[in-house]
């Protein structure tokens, strides 16, 4: 339970720290490749070792979170509306947590 939360928070920090860490084309390409690996591992079943499964699942989660957080950062409003923007982001997170 701690690993997914750590990955989520790490991607949030990375994406919002600077624009240089997120490139849509690179992460979409990585997501495509990672999704193929993800599906292959799902269908392989117990033939794949647990450390390999965890690694692939964690990498796909990292890439997906970077895409979501990178796009959220890229689409942020101008500074005069940032307070409202971050308020809505936190309300969305709180609503997702409560459901």
PDB file of N, CA and C in Angstrom:
ATOM      1  N   UNK A   1       0.821  -1.196   0.000  1.00  0.00           N
ATOM      2  CA  UNK A   1       0.000   0.000   0.000  1.00  0.00           C
ATOM      3  C   UNK A   1       0.865   1.259   0.000  1.00  0.00           C
ATOM      4  N   UNK A   2       2.066   1.188   0.529  1.00  0.00           N
ATOM      5  CA  UNK A   2       2.918   2.376   0.597  1.00  0.00           C
ATOM      6  C   UNK A   2       3.584   2.670  -0.744  1.00  0.00           C
ATOM      7  N   UNK A   3       3.938   1.643  -1.495  1.00  0.00           N
ATOM      8  CA  UNK A   3       4.627   1.852  -2.775  1.00  0.00           C
ATOM      9  C   UNK A   3       3.778   2.658  -3.765  1.00  0.00           C
ATOM     10  N   UNK A   4       2.507   2.326  -3.994  1.00  0.00           N
ATOM     11  CA  UNK A   4       1.722   3.145  -4.935  1.00  0.00           C
ATOM     12  C   UNK A   4       1.561   4.602  -4.481  1.00  0.00           C
ATOM     13  N   UNK A   5       1.358   4.813  -3.199  1.00  0.00           N
ATOM     14  CA  UNK A   5       1.233   6.182  -2.692  1.00  0.00           C
ATOM     15  C   UNK A   5       2.544   6.940  -2.860  1.00  0.00           C
ATOM     16  N   UNK A   6       3.650   6.271  -2.605  1.00  0.00           N
ATOM     17  CA  UNK A   6       4.961   6.897  -2.777  1.00  0.00           C
ATOM     18  C   UNK A   6       5.186   7.288  -4.231  1.00  0.00           C
ATOM     19  N   UNK A   7       4.840   6.406  -5.138  1.00  0.00           N
ATOM     20  CA  UNK A   7       4.987   6.697  -6.569  1.00  0.00           C
ATOM     21  C   UNK A   7       4.105   7.880  -6.959  1.00  0.00           C
ATOM     22  N   UNK A   8       2.869   7.878  -6.492  1.00  0.00           N
ATOM     23  CA  UNK A   8       1.930   8.961  -6.802  1.00  0.00           C
ATOM     24  C   UNK A   8       2.472  10.308  -6.314  1.00  0.00           C
ATOM     25  N   UNK A   9       2.904  10.354  -5.072  1.00  0.00           N
ATOM     26  CA  UNK A   9       3.404  11.616  -4.514  1.00  0.00           C
ATOM     27  C   UNK A   9       4.713  12.041  -5.166  1.00  0.00           C
ATOM     28  N   UNK A  10       5.566  11.088  -5.490  1.00  0.00           N
ATOM     29  CA  UNK A  10       6.822  11.408  -6.152  1.00  0.00           C
ATOM     30  C   UNK A  10       6.571  12.024  -7.530  1.00  0.00           C
ATOM     31  N   UNK A  11       5.639  11.471  -8.291  1.00  0.00           N
ATOM     32  CA  UNK A  11       5.345  12.038  -9.610  1.00  0.00           C
ATOM     33  C   UNK A  11       4.708  13.417  -9.497  1.00  0.00           C
ATOM     34  N   UNK A  12       3.920  13.621  -8.447  1.00  0.00           N
ATOM     35  CA  UNK A  12       3.330  14.946  -8.223  1.00  0.00           C
ATOM     36  C   UNK A  12       4.438  15.969  -7.984  1.00  0.00           C
ATOM     37  N   UNK A  13       5.394  15.615  -7.140  1.00  0.00           N
ATOM     38  CA  UNK A  13       6.500  16.514  -6.831  1.00  0.00           C
ATOM     39  C   UNK A  13       7.345  16.777  -8.072  1.00  0.00           C
ATOM     40  N   UNK A  14       7.659  15.726  -8.816  1.00  0.00           N
ATOM     41  CA  UNK A  14       8.490  15.876 -10.013  1.00  0.00           C
ATOM     42  C   UNK A  14       7.789  16.736 -11.066  1.00  0.00           C
ATOM     43  N   UNK A  15       6.537  16.443 -11.345  1.00  0.00           N
ATOM     44  CA  UNK A  15       5.815  17.162 -12.401  1.00  0.00           C
ATOM     45  C   UNK A  15       5.625  18.633 -12.067  1.00  0.00           C
ATOM     46  N   UNK A  16       5.374  18.939 -10.799  1.00  0.00           N
ATOM     47  CA  UNK A  16       5.119  20.330 -10.425  1.00  0.00           C
ATOM     48  C   UNK A  16       6.389  21.098 -10.076  1.00  0.00           C
ATOM     49  N   UNK A  17       7.543  20.432 -10.057  1.00  0.00           N
ATOM     50  CA  UNK A  17       8.775  21.137  -9.711  1.00  0.00           C
ATOM     51  C   UNK A  17       9.323  21.937 -10.892  1.00  0.00           C
ATOM     52  N   UNK A  18       9.176  21.400 -12.102  1.00  0.00           N
ATOM     53  CA  UNK A  18       9.708  22.092 -13.277  1.00  0.00           C
ATOM     54  C   UNK A  18       9.111  21.490 -14.540  1.00  0.00           C
ATOM     55  N   UNK A  19       9.018  22.307 -15.577  1.00  0.00           N
ATOM     56  CA  UNK A  19       8.488  21.826 -16.853  1.00  0.00           C
ATOM     57  C   UNK A  19       9.446  20.880 -17.555  1.00  0.00           C
ATOM     58  N   UNK A  20      10.731  20.944 -17.208  1.00  0.00           N
ATOM     59  CA  UNK A  20      11.725  20.143 -17.931  1.00  0.00           C
ATOM     60  C   UNK A  20      11.606  18.649 -17.665  1.00  0.00           C
ATOM     61  N   UNK A  21      10.890  18.235 -16.622  1.00  0.00           N
ATOM     62  CA  UNK A  21      10.790  16.820 -16.283  1.00  0.00           C
ATOM     63  C   UNK A  21       9.674  16.098 -17.014  1.00  0.00           C
ATOM     64  N   UNK A  22       8.826  16.822 -17.719  1.00  0.00           N
ATOM     65  CA  UNK A  22       7.693  16.183 -18.395  1.00  0.00           C
ATOM     66  C   UNK A  22       7.704  16.495 -19.873  1.00  0.00           C
ATOM     67  N   UNK A  23       7.724  15.445 -20.680  1.00  0.00           N
ATOM     68  CA  UNK A  23       7.585  15.568 -22.127  1.00  0.00           C
ATOM     69  C   UNK A  23       6.463  14.611 -22.544  1.00  0.00           C
ATOM     70  N   UNK A  24       5.407  15.161 -23.093  1.00  0.00           N
ATOM     71  CA  UNK A  24       4.234  14.356 -23.441  1.00  0.00           C
ATOM     72  C   UNK A  24       4.590  13.223 -24.398  1.00  0.00           C
ATOM     73  N   UNK A  25       5.381  13.513 -25.431  1.00  0.00           N
ATOM     74  CA  UNK A  25       5.705  12.490 -26.422  1.00  0.00           C
ATOM     75  C   UNK A  25       6.489  11.335 -25.800  1.00  0.00           C
ATOM     76  N   UNK A  26       7.452  11.646 -24.974  1.00  0.00           N
ATOM     77  CA  UNK A  26       8.269  10.604 -24.348  1.00  0.00           C
ATOM     78  C   UNK A  26       7.420   9.732 -23.431  1.00  0.00           C
ATOM     79  N   UNK A  27       6.626  10.354 -22.572  1.00  0.00           N
ATOM     80  CA  UNK A  27       5.835   9.576 -21.618  1.00  0.00           C
ATOM     81  C   UNK A  27       4.709   8.792 -22.294  1.00  0.00           C
ATOM     82  N   UNK A  28       4.134   9.311 -23.359  1.00  0.00           N
ATOM     83  CA  UNK A  28       3.116   8.538 -24.077  1.00  0.00           C
ATOM     84  C   UNK A  28       3.734   7.320 -24.753  1.00  0.00           C
ATOM     85  N   UNK A  29       4.926   7.485 -25.300  1.00  0.00           N
ATOM     86  CA  UNK A  29       5.632   6.344 -25.879  1.00  0.00           C
ATOM     87  C   UNK A  29       5.978   5.305 -24.821  1.00  0.00           C
ATOM     88  N   UNK A  30       6.474   5.780 -23.691  1.00  0.00           N
ATOM     89  CA  UNK A  30       6.782   4.862 -22.589  1.00  0.00           C
ATOM     90  C   UNK A  30       5.529   4.164 -22.072  1.00  0.00           C
ATOM     91  N   UNK A  31       4.421   4.904 -22.038  1.00  0.00           N
ATOM     92  CA  UNK A  31       3.173   4.309 -21.570  1.00  0.00           C
ATOM     93  C   UNK A  31       2.692   3.212 -22.517  1.00  0.00           C
ATOM     94  N   UNK A  32       2.856   3.433 -23.810  1.00  0.00           N
ATOM     95  CA  UNK A  32       2.467   2.423 -24.791  1.00  0.00           C
ATOM     96  C   UNK A  32       3.287   1.144 -24.595  1.00  0.00           C
ATOM     97  N   UNK A  33       4.602   1.293 -24.475  1.00  0.00           N
ATOM     98  CA  UNK A  33       5.476   0.139 -24.273  1.00  0.00           C
ATOM     99  C   UNK A  33       5.185  -0.524 -22.932  1.00  0.00           C
ATOM    100  N   UNK A  34       5.013   0.289 -21.888  1.00  0.00           N
ATOM    101  CA  UNK A  34       4.723  -0.250 -20.566  1.00  0.00           C
ATOM    102  C   UNK A  34       3.395  -0.981 -20.505  1.00  0.00           C
ATOM    103  N   UNK A  35       2.412  -0.483 -21.241  1.00  0.00           N
ATOM    104  CA  UNK A  35       1.104  -1.142 -21.258  1.00  0.00           C
ATOM    105  C   UNK A  35       1.177  -2.512 -21.917  1.00  0.00           C
ATOM    106  N   UNK A  36       1.986  -2.623 -22.953  1.00  0.00           N
ATOM    107  CA  UNK A  36       2.172  -3.925 -23.597  1.00  0.00           C
ATOM    108  C   UNK A  36       2.815  -4.900 -22.615  1.00  0.00           C
ATOM    109  N   UNK A  37       3.855  -4.449 -21.901  1.00  0.00           N
ATOM    110  CA  UNK A  37       4.504  -5.305 -20.903  1.00  0.00           C
ATOM    111  C   UNK A  37       3.529  -5.666 -19.793  1.00  0.00           C
ATOM    112  N   UNK A  38       2.721  -4.710 -19.380  1.00  0.00           N
ATOM    113  CA  UNK A  38       1.728  -4.919 -18.327  1.00  0.00           C
ATOM    114  C   UNK A  38       0.743  -6.026 -18.717  1.00  0.00           C
ATOM    115  N   UNK A  39       0.219  -5.945 -19.932  1.00  0.00           N
ATOM    116  CA  UNK A  39      -0.765  -6.934 -20.397  1.00  0.00           C
ATOM    117  C   UNK A  39      -0.114  -8.308 -20.555  1.00  0.00           C
ATOM    118  N   UNK A  40       1.107  -8.340 -21.057  1.00  0.00           N
ATOM    119  CA  UNK A  40       1.796  -9.631 -21.208  1.00  0.00           C
ATOM    120  C   UNK A  40       2.009 -10.298 -19.852  1.00  0.00           C
ATOM    121  N   UNK A  41       2.354  -9.518 -18.851  1.00  0.00           N
ATOM    122  CA  UNK A  41       2.554 -10.087 -17.510  1.00  0.00           C
ATOM    123  C   UNK A  41       1.225 -10.557 -16.931  1.00  0.00           C
ATOM    124  N   UNK A  42       0.168  -9.805 -17.174  1.00  0.00           N
ATOM    125  CA  UNK A  42      -1.143 -10.236 -16.689  1.00  0.00           C
ATOM    126  C   UNK A  42      -1.538 -11.592 -17.267  1.00  0.00           C
ATOM    127  N   UNK A  43      -1.287 -11.780 -18.560  1.00  0.00           N
ATOM    128  CA  UNK A  43      -1.659 -13.043 -19.195  1.00  0.00           C
ATOM    129  C   UNK A  43      -0.682 -14.178 -18.903  1.00  0.00           C
ATOM    130  N   UNK A  44       0.538 -13.851 -18.504  1.00  0.00           N
ATOM    131  CA  UNK A  44       1.520 -14.897 -18.193  1.00  0.00           C
ATOM    132  C   UNK A  44       1.181 -15.598 -16.887  1.00  0.00           C
ATOM    133  N   UNK A  45       0.494 -14.878 -16.011  1.00  0.00           N
ATOM    134  CA  UNK A  45       0.076 -15.475 -14.739  1.00  0.00           C
ATOM    135  C   UNK A  45       1.257 -15.747 -13.819  1.00  0.00           C
ATOM    136  N   UNK A  46       1.242 -16.887 -13.137  1.00  0.00           N
ATOM    137  CA  UNK A  46       2.288 -17.172 -12.144  1.00  0.00           C
ATOM    138  C   UNK A  46       3.636 -17.541 -12.760  1.00  0.00           C
ATOM    139  N   UNK A  47       3.756 -17.560 -14.087  1.00  0.00           N
ATOM    140  CA  UNK A  47       5.033 -17.874 -14.721  1.00  0.00           C
ATOM    141  C   UNK A  47       6.065 -16.763 -14.507  1.00  0.00           C
ATOM    142  N   UNK A  48       5.604 -15.564 -14.214  1.00  0.00           N
ATOM    143  CA  UNK A  48       6.489 -14.416 -13.994  1.00  0.00           C
ATOM    144  C   UNK A  48       6.725 -14.261 -12.492  1.00  0.00           C
ATOM    145  N   UNK A  49       7.969 -13.971 -12.125  1.00  0.00           N
ATOM    146  CA  UNK A  49       8.276 -13.828 -10.699  1.00  0.00           C
ATOM    147  C   UNK A  49       7.692 -12.529 -10.139  1.00  0.00           C
ATOM    148  N   UNK A  50       7.438 -12.554  -8.858  1.00  0.00           N
ATOM    149  CA  UNK A  50       6.818 -11.405  -8.188  1.00  0.00           C
ATOM    150  C   UNK A  50       7.656 -10.126  -8.293  1.00  0.00           C
ATOM    151  N   UNK A  51       8.984 -10.161  -8.107  1.00  0.00           N
ATOM    152  CA  UNK A  51       9.752  -8.916  -8.258  1.00  0.00           C
ATOM    153  C   UNK A  51       9.636  -8.290  -9.650  1.00  0.00           C
ATOM    154  N   UNK A  52       9.575  -9.116 -10.681  1.00  0.00           N
ATOM    155  CA  UNK A  52       9.418  -8.573 -12.040  1.00  0.00           C
ATOM    156  C   UNK A  52       8.031  -7.956 -12.194  1.00  0.00           C
ATOM    157  N   UNK A  53       7.007  -8.633 -11.686  1.00  0.00           N
ATOM    158  CA  UNK A  53       5.654  -8.078 -11.746  1.00  0.00           C
ATOM    159  C   UNK A  53       5.582  -6.733 -11.042  1.00  0.00           C
ATOM    160  N   UNK A  54       6.100  -6.668  -9.819  1.00  0.00           N
ATOM    161  CA  UNK A  54       6.057  -5.414  -9.063  1.00  0.00           C
ATOM    162  C   UNK A  54       6.809  -4.298  -9.774  1.00  0.00           C
ATOM    163  N   UNK A  55       7.930  -4.646 -10.375  1.00  0.00           N
ATOM    164  CA  UNK A  55       8.709  -3.634 -11.089  1.00  0.00           C
ATOM    165  C   UNK A  55       7.930  -3.077 -12.274  1.00  0.00           C
ATOM    166  N   UNK A  56       7.353  -3.953 -13.081  1.00  0.00           N
ATOM    167  CA  UNK A  56       6.610  -3.498 -14.261  1.00  0.00           C
ATOM    168  C   UNK A  56       5.373  -2.713 -13.835  1.00  0.00           C
ATOM    169  N   UNK A  57       4.629  -3.228 -12.870  1.00  0.00           N
ATOM    170  CA  UNK A  57       3.434  -2.518 -12.405  1.00  0.00           C
ATOM    171  C   UNK A  57       3.790  -1.144 -11.842  1.00  0.00           C
ATOM    172  N   UNK A  58       4.878  -1.076 -11.095  1.00  0.00           N
ATOM    173  CA  UNK A  58       5.293   0.204 -10.516  1.00  0.00           C
ATOM    174  C   UNK A  58       5.736   1.185 -11.592  1.00  0.00           C
ATOM    175  N   UNK A  59       6.453   0.696 -12.587  1.00  0.00           N
ATOM    176  CA  UNK A  59       6.880   1.580 -13.671  1.00  0.00           C
ATOM    177  C   UNK A  59       5.692   2.109 -14.476  1.00  0.00           C
ATOM    178  N   UNK A  60       4.726   1.248 -14.750  1.00  0.00           N
ATOM    179  CA  UNK A  60       3.535   1.698 -15.490  1.00  0.00           C
ATOM    180  C   UNK A  60       2.752   2.712 -14.658  1.00  0.00           C
ATOM    181  N   UNK A  61       2.645   2.470 -13.357  1.00  0.00           N
ATOM    182  CA  UNK A  61       1.975   3.441 -12.486  1.00  0.00           C
ATOM    183  C   UNK A  61       2.716   4.771 -12.486  1.00  0.00           C
ATOM    184  N   UNK A  62       4.051   4.723 -12.404  1.00  0.00           N
ATOM    185  CA  UNK A  62       4.854   5.943 -12.423  1.00  0.00           C
ATOM    186  C   UNK A  62       4.623   6.715 -13.720  1.00  0.00           C
ATOM    187  N   UNK A  63       4.646   6.021 -14.842  1.00  0.00           N
ATOM    188  CA  UNK A  63       4.463   6.678 -16.138  1.00  0.00           C
ATOM    189  C   UNK A  63       3.059   7.274 -16.248  1.00  0.00           C
ATOM    190  N   UNK A  64       2.044   6.517 -15.835  1.00  0.00           N
ATOM    191  CA  UNK A  64       0.666   7.018 -15.905  1.00  0.00           C
ATOM    192  C   UNK A  64       0.481   8.242 -15.009  1.00  0.00           C
ATOM    193  N   UNK A  65       1.039   8.193 -13.812  1.00  0.00           N
ATOM    194  CA  UNK A  65       0.924   9.346 -12.904  1.00  0.00           C
ATOM    195  C   UNK A  65       1.688  10.552 -13.442  1.00  0.00           C
ATOM    196  N   UNK A  66       2.836  10.316 -14.071  1.00  0.00           N
ATOM    197  CA  UNK A  66       3.573  11.435 -14.653  1.00  0.00           C
ATOM    198  C   UNK A  66       2.775  12.085 -15.778  1.00  0.00           C
ATOM    199  N   UNK A  67       2.079  11.276 -16.566  1.00  0.00           N
ATOM    200  CA  UNK A  67       1.250  11.837 -17.637  1.00  0.00           C
ATOM    201  C   UNK A  67       0.134  12.689 -17.030  1.00  0.00           C
ATOM    202  N   UNK A  68      -0.557  12.145 -16.034  1.00  0.00           N
ATOM    203  CA  UNK A  68      -1.662  12.891 -15.412  1.00  0.00           C
ATOM    204  C   UNK A  68      -1.174  14.159 -14.731  1.00  0.00           C
ATOM    205  N   UNK A  69      -0.130  14.061 -13.931  1.00  0.00           N
ATOM    206  CA  UNK A  69       0.375  15.237 -13.221  1.00  0.00           C
ATOM    207  C   UNK A  69       1.046  16.222 -14.174  1.00  0.00           C
ATOM    208  N   UNK A  70       1.730  15.724 -15.190  1.00  0.00           N
ATOM    209  CA  UNK A  70       2.359  16.612 -16.174  1.00  0.00           C
ATOM    210  C   UNK A  70       1.332  17.417 -16.940  1.00  0.00           C
ATOM    211  N   UNK A  71       0.246  16.764 -17.327  1.00  0.00           N
ATOM    212  CA  UNK A  71      -0.818  17.481 -18.031  1.00  0.00           C
ATOM    213  C   UNK A  71      -1.526  18.470 -17.111  1.00  0.00           C
ATOM    214  N   UNK A  72      -1.712  18.078 -15.864  1.00  0.00           N
ATOM    215  CA  UNK A  72      -2.322  18.989 -14.900  1.00  0.00           C
ATOM    216  C   UNK A  72      -1.457  20.235 -14.727  1.00  0.00           C
ATOM    217  N   UNK A  73      -0.148  20.049 -14.651  1.00  0.00           N
ATOM    218  CA  UNK A  73       0.770  21.182 -14.517  1.00  0.00           C
ATOM    219  C   UNK A  73       0.768  22.022 -15.796  1.00  0.00           C
ATOM    220  N   UNK A  74       0.781  21.368 -16.938  1.00  0.00           N
ATOM    221  CA  UNK A  74       0.811  22.078 -18.214  1.00  0.00           C
ATOM    222  C   UNK A  74      -0.437  22.913 -18.436  1.00  0.00           C
ATOM    223  N   UNK A  75      -1.580  22.442 -17.943  1.00  0.00           N
ATOM    224  CA  UNK A  75      -2.851  23.138 -18.160  1.00  0.00           C
ATOM    225  C   UNK A  75      -3.241  24.080 -17.022  1.00  0.00           C
ATOM    226  N   UNK A  76      -2.316  24.312 -16.103  1.00  0.00           N
ATOM    227  CA  UNK A  76      -2.642  25.179 -14.961  1.00  0.00           C
ATOM    228  C   UNK A  76      -2.961  26.592 -15.443  1.00  0.00           C
ATOM    229  N   UNK A  77      -3.786  27.306 -14.713  1.00  0.00           N
ATOM    230  CA  UNK A  77      -4.153  28.677 -15.120  1.00  0.00           C
ATOM    231  C   UNK A  77      -3.036  29.671 -14.790  1.00  0.00           C
ATOM    232  N   UNK A  78      -3.253  30.927 -15.182  1.00  0.00           N
ATOM    233  CA  UNK A  78      -2.265  31.938 -14.845  1.00  0.00           C
ATOM    234  C   UNK A  78      -2.250  32.192 -13.344  1.00  0.00           C
ATOM    235  N   UNK A  79      -1.192  32.805 -12.847  1.00  0.00           N
ATOM    236  CA  UNK A  79      -0.998  32.949 -11.404  1.00  0.00           C
ATOM    237  C   UNK A  79      -2.145  33.599 -10.636  1.00  0.00           C
ATOM    238  N   UNK A  80      -2.923  34.441 -11.270  1.00  0.00           N
ATOM    239  CA  UNK A  80      -4.014  35.103 -10.552  1.00  0.00           C
ATOM    240  C   UNK A  80      -5.125  34.127 -10.153  1.00  0.00           C
ATOM    241  N   UNK A  81      -5.179  32.955 -10.786  1.00  0.00           N
ATOM    242  CA  UNK A  81      -6.235  31.977 -10.489  1.00  0.00           C
ATOM    243  C   UNK A  81      -5.691  30.691  -9.867  1.00  0.00           C
ATOM    244  N   UNK A  82      -4.424  30.694  -9.477  1.00  0.00           N
ATOM    245  CA  UNK A  82      -3.810  29.476  -8.948  1.00  0.00           C
ATOM    246  C   UNK A  82      -4.425  28.998  -7.637  1.00  0.00           C
ATOM    247  N   UNK A  83      -4.829  29.909  -6.771  1.00  0.00           N
ATOM    248  CA  UNK A  83      -5.427  29.499  -5.500  1.00  0.00           C
ATOM    249  C   UNK A  83      -6.681  28.674  -5.729  1.00  0.00           C
ATOM    250  N   UNK A  84      -7.536  29.133  -6.602  1.00  0.00           N
ATOM    251  CA  UNK A  84      -8.762  28.398  -6.935  1.00  0.00           C
ATOM    252  C   UNK A  84      -8.429  27.050  -7.577  1.00  0.00           C
ATOM    253  N   UNK A  85      -7.428  27.053  -8.458  1.00  0.00           N
ATOM    254  CA  UNK A  85      -6.998  25.826  -9.133  1.00  0.00           C
ATOM    255  C   UNK A  85      -6.555  24.773  -8.114  1.00  0.00           C
ATOM    256  N   UNK A  86      -5.674  25.146  -7.195  1.00  0.00           N
ATOM    257  CA  UNK A  86      -5.177  24.182  -6.205  1.00  0.00           C
ATOM    258  C   UNK A  86      -6.267  23.775  -5.223  1.00  0.00           C
ATOM    259  N   UNK A  87      -7.196  24.668  -4.934  1.00  0.00           N
ATOM    260  CA  UNK A  87      -8.321  24.315  -4.078  1.00  0.00           C
ATOM    261  C   UNK A  87      -9.165  23.224  -4.745  1.00  0.00           C
ATOM    262  N   UNK A  88      -9.432  23.377  -6.034  1.00  0.00           N
ATOM    263  CA  UNK A  88     -10.223  22.377  -6.755  1.00  0.00           C
ATOM    264  C   UNK A  88      -9.475  21.042  -6.867  1.00  0.00           C
ATOM    265  N   UNK A  89      -8.159  21.096  -7.057  1.00  0.00           N
ATOM    266  CA  UNK A  89      -7.358  19.863  -7.104  1.00  0.00           C
ATOM    267  C   UNK A  89      -7.450  19.130  -5.776  1.00  0.00           C
ATOM    268  N   UNK A  90      -7.337  19.860  -4.656  1.00  0.00           N
ATOM    269  CA  UNK A  90      -7.409  19.190  -3.345  1.00  0.00           C
ATOM    270  C   UNK A  90      -8.806  18.688  -3.031  1.00  0.00           C
ATOM    271  N   UNK A  91      -9.831  19.406  -3.457  1.00  0.00           N
ATOM    272  CA  UNK A  91     -11.199  18.912  -3.249  1.00  0.00           C
ATOM    273  C   UNK A  91     -11.417  17.642  -4.055  1.00  0.00           C
ATOM    274  N   UNK A  92     -10.909  17.614  -5.283  1.00  0.00           N
ATOM    275  CA  UNK A  92     -11.015  16.399  -6.102  1.00  0.00           C
ATOM    276  C   UNK A  92     -10.320  15.224  -5.455  1.00  0.00           C
ATOM    277  N   UNK A  93      -9.140  15.465  -4.870  1.00  0.00           N
ATOM    278  CA  UNK A  93      -8.438  14.395  -4.171  1.00  0.00           C
ATOM    279  C   UNK A  93      -9.180  13.916  -2.944  1.00  0.00           C
ATOM    280  N   UNK A  94      -9.772  14.849  -2.216  1.00  0.00           N
ATOM    281  CA  UNK A  94     -10.528  14.471  -1.023  1.00  0.00           C
ATOM    282  C   UNK A  94     -11.780  13.684  -1.392  1.00  0.00           C
ATOM    283  N   UNK A  95     -12.454  14.081  -2.469  1.00  0.00           N
ATOM    284  CA  UNK A  95     -13.650  13.346  -2.911  1.00  0.00           C
ATOM    285  C   UNK A  95     -13.280  11.945  -3.394  1.00  0.00           C
ATOM    286  N   UNK A  96     -12.163  11.826  -4.071  1.00  0.00           N
ATOM    287  CA  UNK A  96     -11.721  10.503  -4.538  1.00  0.00           C
ATOM    288  C   UNK A  96     -11.363   9.602  -3.370  1.00  0.00           C
ATOM    289  N   UNK A  97     -10.784  10.181  -2.338  1.00  0.00           N
ATOM    290  CA  UNK A  97     -10.388   9.408  -1.150  1.00  0.00           C
ATOM    291  C   UNK A  97     -11.608   8.925  -0.369  1.00  0.00           C
ATOM    292  N   UNK A  98     -12.660   9.716  -0.342  1.00  0.00           N
ATOM    293  CA  UNK A  98     -13.828   9.369   0.461  1.00  0.00           C
ATOM    294  C   UNK A  98     -14.732   8.337  -0.229  1.00  0.00           C
ATOM    295  N   UNK A  99     -14.549   8.130  -1.529  1.00  0.00           N
ATOM    296  CA  UNK A  99     -15.452   7.176  -2.216  1.00  0.00           C
ATOM    297  C   UNK A  99     -14.917   5.775  -2.234  1.00  0.00           C
TER     298      UNK A  99
END
